[in-house]
Amino acid sequence: MAWLEVLVSTALTTITNSLATTEGQIAAVSVTIAGALVVASTFVRTMIPLRCLAVASNVGFLVYGALHPSLIMLMLHATLLPINIFRTAQMVRLTRRVSAAAQTSDLSGVWLRPYMRSRRLRAGQVLFRKGDMADHLFFLASGQIEFVEIGQVMESGRLFGEIAFFAPDKCRSLTARCVTDCLVLRIDELTFKQLYFQNPAFGFEVVSLIAGRLMADRQRLEALVAAGQAPPQPVGQAAA
């Protein structure tokens, strides 16, 4: 057990010497706070608070690495800090965009564009057919798309395909064909789920937007029925 006594004695001597200076005291406080933040992050369930704790702990470890000094710790957290700041800002920005869209009843889905991949389609090309699995949510950036079975044409600037995307059977109810050359943005289910689990507020606001679109479709149908007209299928359902 002599080696253990030597180890403890060396550690105590190192700590005592470190705390003998102002820099050492600041470094000790910083690393203690940073360690406490790392422990606290294990109890956090959502991503934005977790990233904020990570940023704060990175700062604490940076201070410790600079004052102790520890080059490896300094380099590690100097690398992690901008990454965590960027990811935090990205998720906060997404939350604000979705919240603003929900408050203004903006059903276009333009706030999803930074998280979508683009695909160009020629006139006459089919994006999806009736009965296909709904594995993507779409945004029409430019061009026109026709929903073949009902002969309805959708203009650009619209989110579509969300009904089937969230339906239990995940099957398309209509065929979507390009009337003109189109630029379509898409987000797959895995990316959407990642955004949801990173930021549950995102998922809640998306559900609110979809509910708003369905309510708007219902009101249009009720107005057409009250006017004695034959109601066409709503855009929200047409985009399924």
Protein backbone atom coordinates (compact mmCIF):
# COMPACT_ATOMS: atom_id res chain seq x y z
CA MET A 1 0.00 0.00 0.00
CA ALA A 2 3.07 2.23 0.02
CA TRP A 3 2.41 3.22 -3.60
CA LEU A 4 -1.09 4.40 -2.67
CA GLU A 5 0.29 6.59 0.10
CA VAL A 6 2.82 8.06 -2.30
CA LEU A 7 0.09 8.71 -4.87
CA VAL A 8 -2.18 10.43 -2.35
CA SER A 9 0.70 12.46 -0.96
CA THR A 10 1.74 13.58 -4.45
CA ALA A 11 -1.85 14.53 -5.34
CA LEU A 12 -2.28 16.56 -2.15
CA THR A 13 1.02 18.32 -2.73
CA THR A 14 0.03 19.16 -6.31
CA ILE A 15 -3.36 20.51 -5.23
CA THR A 16 -1.80 22.54 -2.41
CA ASN A 17 0.77 24.05 -4.74
CA SER A 18 -1.90 24.83 -7.34
CA LEU A 19 -4.11 26.60 -4.82
CA ALA A 20 -1.22 28.68 -3.56
CA THR A 21 -1.61 31.09 -6.51
CA THR A 22 -4.55 33.14 -7.75
CA GLU A 23 -4.37 31.45 -11.15
CA GLY A 24 -4.47 28.07 -9.51
CA GLN A 25 -7.52 28.99 -7.46
CA ILE A 26 -9.36 30.26 -10.53
CA ALA A 27 -8.43 27.10 -12.44
CA ALA A 28 -9.68 24.91 -9.58
CA VAL A 29 -12.99 26.74 -9.39
CA SER A 30 -13.41 26.62 -13.17
CA VAL A 31 -12.78 22.89 -13.47
CA THR A 32 -15.05 22.17 -10.50
CA ILE A 33 -17.92 24.14 -12.06
CA ALA A 34 -17.27 22.56 -15.48
CA GLY A 35 -17.32 19.08 -13.96
CA ALA A 36 -20.56 19.87 -12.12
CA LEU A 37 -22.13 21.04 -15.39
CA VAL A 38 -21.13 17.79 -17.11
CA VAL A 39 -22.78 15.82 -14.29
CA ALA A 40 -25.90 18.03 -14.53
CA SER A 41 -26.09 17.41 -18.29
CA THR A 42 -26.69 13.71 -17.66
CA PHE A 43 -30.07 14.60 -16.15
CA VAL A 44 -31.19 16.77 -19.08
CA ARG A 45 -33.62 15.20 -21.56
CA THR A 46 -33.78 17.78 -24.34
CA MET A 47 -31.02 18.96 -26.62
CA ILE A 48 -31.02 22.76 -26.26
CA PRO A 49 -30.40 22.76 -22.48
CA LEU A 50 -27.84 20.00 -23.00
CA ARG A 51 -25.97 22.09 -25.57
CA CYS A 52 -26.07 25.14 -23.30
CA LEU A 53 -24.55 23.12 -20.47
CA ALA A 54 -21.92 21.82 -22.89
CA VAL A 55 -21.00 25.37 -23.91
CA ALA A 56 -20.66 26.45 -20.28
CA SER A 57 -18.56 23.40 -19.38
CA ASN A 58 -16.33 23.99 -22.44
CA VAL A 59 -15.63 27.50 -21.17
CA GLY A 60 -14.80 26.18 -17.70
CA PHE A 61 -12.42 23.54 -19.04
CA LEU A 62 -10.84 26.14 -21.35
CA VAL A 63 -10.07 28.39 -18.40
CA TYR A 64 -8.61 25.45 -16.49
CA GLY A 65 -6.56 24.32 -19.47
CA ALA A 66 -5.15 27.82 -19.93
CA LEU A 67 -4.30 28.47 -16.27
CA HIS A 68 -3.22 25.02 -15.09
CA PRO A 69 -1.91 24.68 -17.88
CA SER A 70 -3.02 21.65 -19.91
CA LEU A 71 -2.46 21.88 -23.67
CA ILE A 72 -4.55 18.79 -24.51
CA MET A 73 -7.56 20.01 -22.53
CA LEU A 74 -7.17 23.49 -23.98
CA MET A 75 -7.12 22.21 -27.57
CA LEU A 76 -9.98 19.76 -27.02
CA HIS A 77 -12.43 22.29 -25.59
CA ALA A 78 -11.29 25.04 -27.95
CA THR A 79 -12.47 22.69 -30.70
CA LEU A 80 -15.72 21.65 -29.00
CA LEU A 81 -16.82 25.16 -27.96
CA PRO A 82 -17.56 26.62 -31.45
CA ILE A 83 -19.27 23.37 -32.48
CA ASN A 84 -21.59 23.44 -29.48
CA ILE A 85 -22.28 27.17 -29.94
CA PHE A 86 -23.15 26.63 -33.60
CA ARG A 87 -25.46 23.69 -32.90
CA THR A 88 -27.19 25.56 -30.07
CA ALA A 89 -27.76 28.62 -32.25
CA GLN A 90 -29.06 26.40 -35.05
CA MET A 91 -31.66 24.72 -32.85
CA VAL A 92 -32.73 27.98 -31.20
CA ARG A 93 -33.14 29.52 -34.67
CA LEU A 94 -35.27 26.58 -35.81
CA THR A 95 -37.49 26.89 -32.74
CA ARG A 96 -38.02 30.60 -33.39
CA ARG A 97 -38.83 30.01 -37.06
CA VAL A 98 -41.38 27.32 -36.29
CA SER A 99 -42.94 29.34 -33.48
CA ALA A 100 -43.20 32.40 -35.75
CA ALA A 101 -44.79 30.27 -38.47
CA ALA A 102 -47.34 28.90 -36.01
CA GLN A 103 -48.20 32.37 -34.67
CA THR A 104 -48.70 33.83 -38.14
CA SER A 105 -50.45 30.70 -39.48
CA ASP A 106 -47.74 30.38 -42.13
CA LEU A 107 -48.40 26.91 -43.55
CA SER A 108 -45.83 27.14 -46.34
CA GLY A 109 -43.13 25.25 -44.46
CA VAL A 110 -40.39 27.60 -45.69
CA TRP A 111 -38.76 27.43 -42.23
CA LEU A 112 -37.83 23.81 -42.96
CA ARG A 113 -35.74 24.68 -46.03
CA PRO A 114 -32.33 24.72 -44.27
CA TYR A 115 -32.89 21.08 -43.26
CA MET A 116 -34.10 19.81 -46.63
CA ARG A 117 -32.28 18.45 -49.69
CA SER A 118 -33.09 19.69 -53.17
CA ARG A 119 -34.12 17.65 -56.19
CA ARG A 120 -34.80 18.92 -59.70
CA LEU A 121 -37.53 17.27 -61.74
CA ARG A 122 -38.44 17.65 -65.40
CA ALA A 123 -41.93 18.44 -66.69
CA GLY A 124 -43.98 15.24 -66.80
CA GLN A 125 -41.82 13.44 -64.23
CA VAL A 126 -43.66 11.73 -61.38
CA LEU A 127 -42.52 12.59 -57.85
CA PHE A 128 -44.57 9.86 -56.18
CA ARG A 129 -47.47 7.61 -57.11
CA LYS A 130 -50.64 6.64 -55.31
CA GLY A 131 -49.89 3.78 -52.93
CA ASP A 132 -46.18 4.61 -52.57
CA MET A 133 -44.69 4.73 -49.08
CA ALA A 134 -44.52 8.26 -47.70
CA ASP A 135 -40.89 8.41 -46.59
CA HIS A 136 -40.35 12.13 -47.32
CA LEU A 137 -42.01 15.45 -46.61
CA PHE A 138 -41.78 17.92 -49.54
CA PHE A 139 -41.59 21.64 -50.24
CA LEU A 140 -42.19 22.96 -53.77
CA ALA A 141 -39.57 25.69 -54.25
CA SER A 142 -40.39 26.41 -57.90
CA GLY A 143 -42.64 25.08 -60.65
CA GLN A 144 -46.09 23.46 -60.60
CA ILE A 145 -47.17 19.99 -59.49
CA GLU A 146 -50.44 18.29 -60.44
CA PHE A 147 -52.22 15.74 -58.27
CA VAL A 148 -53.33 13.48 -61.09
CA GLU A 149 -56.37 11.73 -59.64
CA ILE A 150 -58.19 14.99 -58.89
CA GLY A 151 -56.60 17.23 -61.55
CA GLN A 152 -55.52 19.82 -58.99
CA VAL A 153 -52.41 21.91 -59.65
CA MET A 154 -50.30 23.26 -56.80
CA GLU A 155 -48.16 26.39 -57.17
CA SER A 156 -44.70 26.84 -55.68
CA GLY A 157 -44.08 27.90 -52.09
CA ARG A 158 -46.11 25.12 -50.52
CA LEU A 159 -45.32 22.29 -48.13
CA PHE A 160 -46.96 19.06 -49.24
CA GLY A 161 -47.02 15.33 -48.57
CA GLU A 162 -47.45 15.85 -44.83
CA ILE A 163 -50.74 13.96 -44.46
CA ALA A 164 -49.39 10.63 -45.67
CA PHE A 165 -46.06 11.34 -43.96
CA PHE A 166 -47.80 11.26 -40.59
CA ALA A 167 -50.57 8.79 -41.47
CA PRO A 168 -50.56 5.37 -39.75
CA ASP A 169 -50.25 3.44 -43.04
CA LYS A 170 -47.80 5.98 -44.56
CA CYS A 171 -49.21 5.46 -48.06
CA ARG A 172 -49.67 8.18 -50.66
CA SER A 173 -53.31 8.77 -51.53
CA LEU A 174 -52.59 10.57 -54.84
CA THR A 175 -50.02 10.74 -57.62
CA ALA A 176 -47.87 13.89 -57.84
CA ARG A 177 -46.63 14.78 -61.34
CA CYS A 178 -44.66 17.83 -62.45
CA VAL A 179 -46.54 20.15 -64.81
CA THR A 180 -43.38 22.21 -65.40
CA ASP A 181 -39.74 21.79 -64.47
CA CYS A 182 -39.68 21.81 -60.68
CA LEU A 183 -37.30 22.30 -57.79
CA VAL A 184 -38.50 20.17 -54.90
CA LEU A 185 -36.99 20.16 -51.43
CA ARG A 186 -37.41 17.09 -49.25
CA ILE A 187 -36.74 15.96 -45.71
CA ASP A 188 -36.64 12.29 -44.80
CA GLU A 189 -38.21 10.69 -41.76
CA LEU A 190 -34.89 10.09 -39.98
CA THR A 191 -33.85 13.76 -40.24
CA PHE A 192 -37.29 14.89 -39.12
CA LYS A 193 -37.15 12.58 -36.09
CA GLN A 194 -33.68 13.85 -35.21
CA LEU A 195 -34.97 17.42 -35.25
CA TYR A 196 -37.90 16.37 -33.10
CA PHE A 197 -35.86 14.55 -30.47
CA GLN A 198 -33.25 17.32 -30.37
CA ASN A 199 -35.97 19.91 -29.87
CA PRO A 200 -39.46 18.68 -28.85
CA ALA A 201 -40.83 22.21 -29.29
CA PHE A 202 -40.15 21.78 -33.01
CA GLY A 203 -42.38 18.68 -33.17
CA PHE A 204 -45.14 20.35 -31.18
CA GLU A 205 -45.21 23.37 -33.47
CA VAL A 206 -45.20 21.16 -36.59
CA VAL A 207 -48.25 19.33 -35.28
CA SER A 208 -49.90 22.69 -34.65
CA LEU A 209 -49.19 23.79 -38.21
CA ILE A 210 -50.59 20.59 -39.69
CA ALA A 211 -53.68 20.91 -37.53
CA GLY A 212 -54.03 24.50 -38.74
CA ARG A 213 -53.88 23.37 -42.37
CA LEU A 214 -56.53 20.70 -41.79
CA MET A 215 -58.77 23.23 -40.04
CA ALA A 216 -58.35 25.65 -42.94
CA ASP A 217 -59.28 22.88 -45.39
CA ARG A 218 -62.34 22.04 -43.34
CA GLN A 219 -63.48 25.66 -43.28
CA ARG A 220 -63.12 25.91 -47.07
CA LEU A 221 -65.17 22.74 -47.50
CA GLU A 222 -67.88 24.00 -45.17
CA ALA A 223 -68.02 27.29 -47.08
CA LEU A 224 -68.38 25.45 -50.41
CA VAL A 225 -71.07 23.14 -49.04
CA ALA A 226 -72.95 26.13 -47.63
CA ALA A 227 -72.77 27.78 -51.06
CA GLY A 228 -74.13 24.64 -52.70
CA GLN A 229 -70.97 23.95 -54.70
CA ALA A 230 -69.31 20.59 -55.23
CA PRO A 231 -66.29 20.68 -52.92
CA PRO A 232 -62.93 19.79 -54.43
CA GLN A 233 -60.49 17.80 -52.37
CA PRO A 234 -58.54 20.10 -50.02
CA VAL A 235 -54.93 20.92 -50.82
CA GLY A 236 -53.77 19.43 -47.54
CA GLN A 237 -55.33 16.10 -48.39
CA ALA A 238 -54.36 16.41 -52.03
CA ALA A 239 -50.76 16.67 -50.96
CA ALA A 240 -50.94 13.32 -49.24
